[in-house]
Amino acid sequence: MAAALMLFGLSQPLAAKTLAENAAPASVTAVSCSDSPYVNYSLPAGANDLYPVIKTASMSDYDYSMAVASNIQFYLQNSITRDQVNACYLSVKPADGGYNVTFRSSDPKAATYGATQIAWLANGGLGLQGMQNCQKDKTCWEPAGTGSNGKALTCTGPWQFYLPLGLPMVAQKMVMLLHYPPYSAMQQSDYLNNATLNRWQRLLVTVGVPQADWTLYTTTVDIFPIAAPGSGQTGCFPTASATNFFGNGGTKYIPSMLNSLVIAPAVSTVGTNTVPVIIYGAEATGYWNASYPDAQTGVLKAGSVSLNPDAPTRKTPYMGANHPIAAVYQTCTSSPGIVAMDKQDLTTACFAKSMAATPDADPVAVASACQASYFDNPDTEHASQICVTAVVDKSPQFAQWSTDKAKVWCAAHSNNPCPLPDYSSAK
């Protein structure tokens, strides 16, 4: 990916290098792409407010527009790379109050990029409007008081509007419905560079998704497009506020973005199913159940629903899931235990992979088959996946065990992760 960034004339954030090396690489060089046709389109001036660029008092309008153009180019290059679009010579420049986008590509997926990005930003504008409304309401923006758990809320900043930029937009295999993005992702200029998405990557690869393809499973809609500290603030973003400010009771950002992203332009539309939505964690599940009462979900509960009333025959498969990072806080003796949650999380990844392979399959049957692989006397391969996932999950954060190391330990312990290893001695 570093080479691809250089190709597009971009620098690579230091903090994102480790993840970037694992992302799907650009598959052409400037030489092989140089004779491809140009793709040109314009983004409106409103794009200024949808990217994380802050205009300081000393910054001229020209400098600000150039900073925004650079930011758009950086995140757009990430989307193009993660969509596995063969492209080169990406350029974003200020023009007529907006921004002109140009790149070269013969890839059929490139033809849809302009319309897709423009529609994505229009939906993002609904998120911005919802955030601005939230800021004016003390019950929404950094609220005080007591959370649903009876404990005092600690909703301190920094909070900042942040859309899930830089993710696939035309070739996604699924859509993730999540709670809110961690502030660290915005600081590092990479939505995928955080513990939550790193673990989701590991789960996908464990169940057999090729390393080069895992980013196609990361297209995201947050029920709160607000970057905030990644721990201790869950109660600050309740389901009711998501509905009232970003859902059907507010600007309709969430349903609009979902309706758009489940129709992946580069994915076959011969059948009746869209790409699936996986709903992660209690808060996103609460929003989903309140918004789609005929499609109630919970952990590993699958079904299908028509999200778009204008296209009632297009069904969207869905399944509920644990939050991708929740299992790492469990132990062998907790309730639920880490083994039970890892079985659920591997089932979720299996569901994502299987629905991508067979888009028109019955999601209930797919979920049932995946669940049986991990819960009903799993064979050696699936037992190893469960053990390895648990052992890596509980290894020290800054000295995490590799999958290969965990496999060796699990093989020596009959694929039984409990009791967990003595990580200091690897025994």
Protein backbone atom coordinates (compact mmCIF):
# COMPACT_ATOMS: atom_id res chain seq x y z
CA MET A 1 0.00 0.00 0.00
CA ALA A 2 2.93 2.34 0.64
CA ALA A 3 3.82 2.08 -3.05
CA ALA A 4 0.23 2.87 -3.98
CA LEU A 5 0.30 5.97 -1.79
CA MET A 6 3.46 7.16 -3.52
CA LEU A 7 1.80 6.47 -6.87
CA PHE A 8 -1.04 8.78 -5.95
CA GLY A 9 1.32 11.45 -4.66
CA LEU A 10 0.37 10.94 -1.00
CA SER A 11 2.36 10.45 2.15
CA GLN A 12 1.51 7.62 4.51
CA PRO A 13 0.70 8.39 8.17
CA LEU A 14 3.28 6.69 10.37
CA ALA A 15 0.65 5.32 12.73
CA ALA A 16 -1.22 3.67 9.87
CA LYS A 17 1.73 1.82 8.35
CA THR A 18 1.21 -1.51 10.07
CA LEU A 19 -2.42 -1.74 9.02
CA ALA A 20 -1.74 -0.34 5.58
CA GLU A 21 0.72 -3.11 4.85
CA ASN A 22 -2.13 -5.58 5.38
CA ALA A 23 -4.66 -3.74 3.24
CA ALA A 24 -5.50 -4.72 -0.31
CA PRO A 25 -2.69 -3.38 -2.52
CA ALA A 26 -3.18 -1.29 -5.63
CA SER A 27 -2.91 -3.82 -8.41
CA VAL A 28 -1.46 -1.71 -11.22
CA THR A 29 1.47 0.60 -11.70
CA ALA A 30 1.59 4.01 -13.30
CA VAL A 31 3.19 2.47 -16.40
CA SER A 32 0.41 -0.08 -17.00
CA CYS A 33 -2.29 2.46 -16.19
CA SER A 34 -0.98 5.49 -18.06
CA ASP A 35 -2.98 4.82 -21.23
CA SER A 36 -6.27 4.29 -19.40
CA PRO A 37 -9.10 6.80 -19.87
CA TYR A 38 -9.56 9.66 -17.46
CA VAL A 39 -12.30 9.66 -14.85
CA ASN A 40 -13.36 13.21 -13.98
CA TYR A 41 -16.02 14.53 -11.65
CA SER A 42 -16.65 17.46 -9.32
CA LEU A 43 -17.46 17.53 -5.62
CA PRO A 44 -19.55 20.41 -4.22
CA ALA A 45 -18.27 23.11 -1.90
CA GLY A 46 -20.11 21.46 0.99
CA ALA A 47 -17.41 18.79 1.02
CA ASN A 48 -15.32 21.23 3.08
CA ASP A 49 -17.30 20.45 6.20
CA LEU A 50 -17.29 16.68 5.80
CA TYR A 51 -13.55 16.11 6.16
CA PRO A 52 -11.52 16.49 9.37
CA VAL A 53 -9.69 19.69 8.41
CA ILE A 54 -9.87 22.57 10.87
CA LYS A 55 -9.44 26.10 9.53
CA THR A 56 -7.27 28.12 11.87
CA ALA A 57 -7.41 31.89 12.22
CA SER A 58 -4.10 32.28 10.40
CA MET A 59 -5.08 30.06 7.45
CA SER A 60 -6.01 31.78 4.19
CA ASP A 61 -8.97 30.56 2.15
CA TYR A 62 -6.54 29.24 -0.45
CA ASP A 63 -4.50 27.32 2.11
CA TYR A 64 -7.67 25.89 3.61
CA SER A 65 -9.01 24.73 0.24
CA MET A 66 -5.66 23.09 -0.54
CA ALA A 67 -5.67 21.35 2.86
CA VAL A 68 -9.18 20.04 2.23
CA ALA A 69 -8.21 18.89 -1.28
CA SER A 70 -5.25 16.98 0.15
CA ASN A 71 -7.49 15.39 2.79
CA ILE A 72 -10.09 14.36 0.20
CA GLN A 73 -7.34 12.88 -1.96
CA PHE A 74 -5.86 10.91 0.91
CA TYR A 75 -9.15 9.33 2.00
CA LEU A 76 -10.31 8.79 -1.59
CA GLN A 77 -7.09 6.96 -2.40
CA ASN A 78 -7.74 4.68 0.58
CA SER A 79 -11.25 3.95 -0.71
CA ILE A 80 -10.00 3.24 -4.23
CA THR A 81 -7.30 0.92 -2.91
CA ARG A 82 -9.64 -0.90 -0.53
CA ASP A 83 -12.25 -1.24 -3.29
CA GLN A 84 -9.50 -2.92 -5.34
CA VAL A 85 -10.01 -0.51 -8.23
CA ASN A 86 -7.14 -0.44 -10.74
CA ALA A 87 -6.33 3.26 -10.95
CA CYS A 88 -3.48 5.75 -11.08
CA TYR A 89 -2.68 9.48 -11.13
CA LEU A 90 -5.34 10.50 -8.65
CA SER A 91 -5.57 14.27 -8.24
CA VAL A 92 -7.98 16.40 -6.22
CA LYS A 93 -7.83 20.17 -6.72
CA PRO A 94 -9.98 23.13 -5.65
CA ALA A 95 -12.20 24.33 -8.50
CA ASP A 96 -15.10 26.79 -8.68
CA GLY A 97 -15.75 26.64 -4.95
CA GLY A 98 -15.75 22.83 -4.94
CA TYR A 99 -13.19 20.18 -5.85
CA ASN A 100 -12.28 18.47 -9.10
CA VAL A 101 -11.34 14.78 -8.95
CA THR A 102 -9.31 13.17 -11.71
CA PHE A 103 -7.71 9.76 -12.08
CA ARG A 104 -7.03 7.24 -14.82
CA SER A 105 -8.54 3.78 -14.90
CA SER A 106 -9.84 1.11 -17.26
CA ASP A 107 -11.40 -0.77 -14.36
CA PRO A 108 -15.19 -1.07 -14.85
CA LYS A 109 -15.64 -0.29 -11.15
CA ALA A 110 -14.15 3.17 -11.72
CA ALA A 111 -17.09 4.28 -13.87
CA THR A 112 -19.39 4.39 -10.83
CA TYR A 113 -16.99 6.16 -8.49
CA GLY A 114 -18.02 9.75 -9.13
CA ALA A 115 -21.76 9.24 -8.64
CA THR A 116 -21.11 6.98 -5.65
CA GLN A 117 -18.82 9.42 -3.85
CA ILE A 118 -21.14 12.37 -4.52
CA ALA A 119 -24.12 10.42 -3.12
CA TRP A 120 -22.03 9.27 -0.14
CA LEU A 121 -21.09 12.87 0.67
CA ALA A 122 -24.72 13.99 0.33
CA ASN A 123 -25.68 11.38 2.92
CA GLY A 124 -22.71 12.48 5.00
CA GLY A 125 -24.18 15.97 4.98
CA LEU A 126 -27.21 14.56 6.80
CA GLY A 127 -24.81 13.26 9.44
CA LEU A 128 -23.25 16.71 9.79
CA GLN A 129 -26.67 18.30 10.20
CA GLY A 130 -27.54 15.72 12.86
CA MET A 131 -24.30 16.43 14.70
CA GLN A 132 -24.97 20.19 14.63
CA ASN A 133 -28.45 19.59 16.05
CA CYS A 134 -26.92 17.33 18.69
CA GLN A 135 -24.45 20.05 19.70
CA LYS A 136 -27.34 22.39 20.48
CA ASP A 137 -28.99 19.88 22.83
CA LYS A 138 -27.47 19.24 26.26
CA THR A 139 -29.10 15.82 26.41
CA CYS A 140 -27.15 14.79 23.30
CA TRP A 141 -23.77 16.56 23.21
CA GLU A 142 -21.49 15.52 26.08
CA PRO A 143 -24.51 14.87 28.34
CA ALA A 144 -24.31 14.83 32.11
CA GLY A 145 -26.26 12.72 34.57
CA THR A 146 -26.61 8.98 35.04
CA GLY A 147 -26.32 6.29 32.41
CA SER A 148 -28.54 3.25 31.93
CA ASN A 149 -26.18 1.30 34.22
CA GLY A 150 -26.89 3.68 37.09
CA LYS A 151 -23.39 5.15 37.06
CA ALA A 152 -22.50 8.79 36.52
CA LEU A 153 -21.70 9.65 32.91
CA THR A 154 -18.21 10.92 32.07
CA CYS A 155 -18.87 12.36 28.63
CA THR A 156 -15.81 14.55 28.30
CA GLY A 157 -14.20 15.44 25.00
CA PRO A 158 -12.60 15.52 22.66
CA TRP A 159 -15.65 14.89 20.50
CA GLN A 160 -15.57 15.68 16.78
CA PHE A 161 -17.71 14.94 13.73
CA TYR A 162 -16.10 12.10 11.79
CA LEU A 163 -17.55 10.10 8.93
CA PRO A 164 -16.24 6.59 8.10
CA LEU A 165 -13.94 7.92 5.38
CA GLY A 166 -11.53 5.90 3.28
CA LEU A 167 -13.55 2.67 3.16
CA PRO A 168 -14.92 0.71 0.18
CA MET A 169 -17.84 2.36 -1.59
CA VAL A 170 -18.44 0.30 -4.75
CA ALA A 171 -17.22 -3.27 -4.14
CA GLN A 172 -18.06 -3.84 -0.46
CA LYS A 173 -19.12 -7.34 0.58
CA MET A 174 -21.15 -6.15 3.59
CA VAL A 175 -21.96 -3.13 5.76
CA MET A 176 -21.05 -2.87 9.44
CA LEU A 177 -23.48 -1.00 11.70
CA LEU A 178 -21.45 0.22 14.67
CA HIS A 179 -21.84 2.61 17.61
CA TYR A 180 -19.31 5.44 17.18
CA PRO A 181 -15.73 5.76 15.89
CA PRO A 182 -12.80 5.96 18.33
CA TYR A 183 -11.07 9.33 18.38
CA SER A 184 -7.74 7.60 17.74
CA ALA A 185 -8.92 6.56 14.26
CA MET A 186 -9.37 10.20 13.28
CA GLN A 187 -6.06 11.20 14.85
CA GLN A 188 -4.29 8.54 12.79
CA SER A 189 -6.21 9.38 9.59
CA ASP A 190 -7.33 5.78 9.17
CA TYR A 191 -10.72 4.46 10.18
CA LEU A 192 -9.37 0.90 10.21
CA ASN A 193 -6.37 1.57 12.42
CA ASN A 194 -7.86 0.73 15.81
CA ALA A 195 -8.26 -2.30 18.05
CA THR A 196 -11.87 -2.94 17.00
CA LEU A 197 -11.16 -3.23 13.28
CA ASN A 198 -7.82 -4.96 13.81
CA ARG A 199 -9.63 -7.75 15.63
CA TRP A 200 -12.35 -7.91 12.96
CA GLN A 201 -9.58 -8.36 10.39
CA ARG A 202 -8.13 -11.22 12.43
CA LEU A 203 -11.52 -12.94 12.70
CA LEU A 204 -12.12 -12.67 8.95
CA VAL A 205 -8.71 -14.08 8.06
CA THR A 206 -9.17 -16.87 10.62
CA VAL A 207 -12.34 -18.11 8.87
CA GLY A 208 -10.68 -18.03 5.47
CA VAL A 209 -11.15 -14.56 3.98
CA PRO A 210 -7.99 -13.85 1.94
CA GLN A 211 -5.69 -11.30 3.54
CA ALA A 212 -5.93 -9.15 0.40
CA ASP A 213 -9.74 -9.02 0.58
CA TRP A 214 -10.54 -8.29 4.21
CA THR A 215 -11.03 -4.54 3.70
CA LEU A 216 -14.03 -5.31 1.47
CA TYR A 217 -15.79 -6.33 4.70
CA THR A 218 -15.28 -2.99 6.50
CA THR A 219 -17.72 -0.50 4.93
CA THR A 220 -19.29 1.13 7.98
CA VAL A 221 -22.19 3.22 9.18
CA ASP A 222 -21.92 4.54 12.75
CA ILE A 223 -25.18 5.35 14.50
CA PHE A 224 -23.23 8.32 15.93
CA PRO A 225 -20.75 9.82 13.40
CA ILE A 226 -18.87 11.45 16.27
CA ALA A 227 -15.30 10.51 17.12
CA ALA A 228 -14.83 10.19 20.88
CA PRO A 229 -12.50 8.38 23.30
CA GLY A 230 -12.74 4.67 22.64
CA SER A 231 -13.55 3.54 26.16
CA GLY A 232 -15.67 4.73 29.05
CA GLN A 233 -18.14 6.71 26.93
CA THR A 234 -20.56 4.07 25.69
CA GLY A 235 -23.37 5.48 27.83
CA CYS A 236 -22.84 8.93 26.33
CA PHE A 237 -24.28 7.78 23.00
CA PRO A 238 -27.67 6.19 23.79
CA THR A 239 -29.94 4.60 21.22
CA ALA A 240 -32.63 7.24 21.72
CA SER A 241 -30.26 10.04 20.71
CA ALA A 242 -29.17 8.09 17.63
CA THR A 243 -32.80 7.79 16.56
CA ASN A 244 -33.71 11.38 17.43
CA PHE A 245 -30.74 13.08 15.79
CA PHE A 246 -29.43 10.72 13.10
CA GLY A 247 -32.28 8.27 12.49
CA ASN A 248 -35.87 8.52 11.38
CA GLY A 249 -36.62 10.97 14.19
CA GLY A 250 -33.85 13.29 13.00
CA THR A 251 -31.99 13.90 9.75
CA LYS A 252 -32.30 10.27 8.55
CA TYR A 253 -28.54 10.01 8.11
CA ILE A 254 -28.38 6.38 9.26
CA PRO A 255 -31.15 4.92 7.06
CA SER A 256 -30.06 7.02 4.07
CA MET A 257 -26.46 5.84 4.31
CA LEU A 258 -27.50 2.23 4.92
CA ASN A 259 -29.91 2.23 1.97
CA SER A 260 -27.16 3.56 -0.28
CA LEU A 261 -24.30 1.31 0.84
CA VAL A 262 -26.14 -2.02 0.76
CA ILE A 263 -26.44 -1.54 -3.01
CA ALA A 264 -22.80 -2.03 -3.96
CA PRO A 265 -22.44 -0.88 -7.61
CA ALA A 266 -19.68 -3.36 -8.42
CA VAL A 267 -21.46 -6.34 -6.86
CA SER A 268 -23.79 -8.46 -8.97
CA THR A 269 -27.41 -7.33 -8.72
CA VAL A 270 -28.90 -10.25 -10.63
CA GLY A 271 -30.48 -11.70 -7.49
CA THR A 272 -32.86 -10.19 -5.00
CA ASN A 273 -30.49 -9.73 -2.05
CA THR A 274 -28.35 -6.69 -1.35
CA VAL A 275 -25.07 -7.06 0.50
CA PRO A 276 -25.74 -7.93 4.16
CA VAL A 277 -25.69 -5.69 7.22
CA ILE A 278 -24.13 -6.96 10.44
CA ILE A 279 -25.23 -5.10 13.56
CA TYR A 280 -22.54 -4.99 16.26
CA GLY A 281 -23.05 -4.41 19.97
CA ALA A 282 -25.95 -3.49 22.21
CA GLU A 283 -26.28 0.14 21.12
CA ALA A 284 -26.35 -0.51 17.36
CA THR A 285 -28.70 -3.44 18.00
CA GLY A 286 -30.98 -1.20 20.04
CA TYR A 287 -31.10 1.33 17.22
CA TRP A 288 -31.79 -1.38 14.62
CA ASN A 289 -34.58 -3.00 16.64
CA ALA A 290 -36.23 0.37 17.27
CA SER A 291 -35.99 1.36 13.61
CA TYR A 292 -36.92 -1.99 12.05
CA PRO A 293 -39.45 -3.57 14.43
CA ASP A 294 -40.27 -6.32 11.93
CA ALA A 295 -36.60 -7.37 11.76
CA GLN A 296 -35.63 -7.76 15.40
CA THR A 297 -32.13 -9.07 15.94
CA GLY A 298 -29.69 -10.10 18.64
CA VAL A 299 -26.38 -11.94 18.76
CA LEU A 300 -26.37 -14.49 15.89
CA LYS A 301 -30.02 -13.83 15.03
CA ALA A 302 -30.31 -13.49 11.25
CA GLY A 303 -33.03 -12.57 8.81
CA SER A 304 -33.80 -10.35 5.84
CA VAL A 305 -35.62 -7.06 5.52
CA SER A 306 -36.48 -4.49 2.87
CA LEU A 307 -34.61 -1.33 3.90
CA ASN A 308 -35.74 0.78 0.96
CA PRO A 309 -39.51 1.27 0.56
CA ASP A 310 -38.88 2.31 -3.05
CA ALA A 311 -37.42 -1.14 -3.80
CA PRO A 312 -39.45 -3.58 -1.66
CA THR A 313 -38.29 -6.64 -3.62
CA ARG A 314 -34.64 -6.04 -2.72
CA LYS A 315 -34.04 -7.79 0.58
CA THR A 316 -31.11 -7.03 2.85
CA PRO A 317 -29.76 -10.00 4.84
CA TYR A 318 -28.78 -9.07 8.40
CA MET A 319 -27.38 -10.60 11.55
CA GLY A 320 -26.75 -9.32 15.07
CA ALA A 321 -23.32 -9.69 16.64
CA ASN A 322 -21.19 -8.85 19.63
CA HIS A 323 -19.19 -5.67 19.40
CA PRO A 324 -15.97 -6.78 17.64
CA ILE A 325 -13.74 -5.94 20.60
CA ALA A 326 -16.01 -7.09 23.45
CA ALA A 327 -14.64 -10.62 23.80
CA VAL A 328 -11.13 -9.50 24.73
CA TYR A 329 -12.49 -8.26 28.08
CA GLN A 330 -13.84 -11.71 28.98
CA THR A 331 -12.01 -14.56 30.70
CA CYS A 332 -12.31 -18.30 31.05
CA THR A 333 -14.43 -17.85 34.18
CA SER A 334 -16.50 -14.77 33.26
CA SER A 335 -20.11 -14.90 32.15
CA PRO A 336 -20.25 -15.01 29.23
CA GLY A 337 -16.83 -16.58 28.95
CA ILE A 338 -14.27 -15.79 26.31
CA VAL A 339 -14.70 -19.16 24.60
CA ALA A 340 -18.45 -18.66 24.18
CA MET A 341 -17.99 -15.15 22.81
CA ASP A 342 -15.20 -16.20 20.47
CA LYS A 343 -17.46 -18.92 19.07
CA GLN A 344 -20.09 -16.24 18.44
CA ASP A 345 -17.58 -13.88 16.84
CA LEU A 346 -16.17 -16.57 14.55
CA THR A 347 -19.75 -17.43 13.57
CA THR A 348 -20.25 -13.76 12.65
CA ALA A 349 -17.13 -13.74 10.47
CA CYS A 350 -18.21 -17.04 8.88
CA PHE A 351 -21.61 -15.48 8.09
CA ALA A 352 -19.95 -12.49 6.42
CA LYS A 353 -17.68 -14.70 4.31
CA SER A 354 -20.45 -17.13 3.36
CA MET A 355 -22.94 -14.43 2.36
CA ALA A 356 -20.26 -12.82 0.18
CA ALA A 357 -19.68 -16.16 -1.54
CA THR A 358 -23.41 -16.91 -1.99
CA PRO A 359 -25.19 -13.52 -1.99
CA ASP A 360 -28.68 -14.92 -2.58
CA ALA A 361 -28.46 -17.60 0.09
CA ASP A 362 -31.00 -17.68 2.91
CA PRO A 363 -29.29 -15.72 5.72
CA VAL A 364 -31.04 -17.77 8.41
CA ALA A 365 -29.69 -21.00 6.91
CA VAL A 366 -26.21 -19.50 6.51
CA ALA A 367 -26.16 -18.31 10.12
CA SER A 368 -27.34 -21.73 11.32
CA ALA A 369 -24.65 -23.57 9.34
CA CYS A 370 -21.91 -21.26 10.59
CA GLN A 371 -23.11 -21.57 14.17
CA ALA A 372 -23.12 -25.36 13.95
CA SER A 373 -19.48 -25.33 12.83
CA TYR A 374 -18.40 -23.70 16.09
CA PHE A 375 -20.97 -24.85 18.64
CA ASP A 376 -21.92 -28.43 17.65
CA ASN A 377 -18.88 -30.59 18.38
CA PRO A 378 -16.50 -28.55 16.21
CA ASP A 379 -14.02 -30.50 14.14
CA THR A 380 -10.27 -30.09 14.61
CA GLU A 381 -10.00 -27.10 12.28
CA HIS A 382 -12.81 -25.15 13.92
CA ALA A 383 -11.68 -26.14 17.42
CA SER A 384 -8.24 -24.78 16.54
CA GLN A 385 -9.78 -21.51 15.32
CA ILE A 386 -11.66 -21.12 18.62
CA CYS A 387 -8.59 -21.85 20.72
CA VAL A 388 -6.24 -19.65 18.68
CA THR A 389 -8.69 -16.74 18.74
CA ALA A 390 -9.04 -16.92 22.53
CA VAL A 391 -5.30 -17.26 23.13
CA VAL A 392 -4.46 -14.29 20.90
CA ASP A 393 -7.34 -12.25 22.35
CA LYS A 394 -5.97 -12.57 25.87
CA SER A 395 -2.28 -12.16 25.04
CA PRO A 396 -0.66 -8.91 26.24
CA GLN A 397 -1.75 -5.86 24.26
CA PHE A 398 1.77 -4.72 23.47
CA ALA A 399 3.23 -8.21 23.06
CA GLN A 400 0.38 -9.93 21.28
CA TRP A 401 0.95 -13.52 20.28
CA SER A 402 1.03 -14.32 16.59
CA THR A 403 -1.50 -16.74 15.13
CA ASP A 404 1.28 -19.24 14.43
CA LYS A 405 2.52 -19.11 18.01
CA ALA A 406 -1.01 -19.59 19.32
CA LYS A 407 -1.55 -22.54 16.96
CA VAL A 408 1.50 -24.31 18.37
CA TRP A 409 0.30 -23.76 21.93
CA CYS A 410 -3.25 -24.88 21.09
CA ALA A 411 -2.03 -28.03 19.35
CA ALA A 412 -0.06 -28.91 22.48
CA HIS A 413 -3.14 -28.34 24.66
CA SER A 414 -5.74 -30.26 22.63
CA ASN A 415 -7.24 -26.98 21.38
CA ASN A 416 -8.47 -26.16 24.88
CA PRO A 417 -7.71 -22.51 25.63
CA CYS A 418 -8.69 -22.72 29.31
CA PRO A 419 -6.78 -22.30 31.47
CA LEU A 420 -5.08 -19.67 29.33
CA PRO A 421 -1.32 -19.72 28.76
CA ASP A 422 1.22 -18.24 31.11
CA TYR A 423 2.13 -15.58 28.57
CA SER A 424 5.37 -14.69 30.32
CA SER A 425 6.74 -18.20 29.84
CA ALA A 426 4.63 -19.27 26.82
CA LYS A 427 3.53 -22.39 28.72
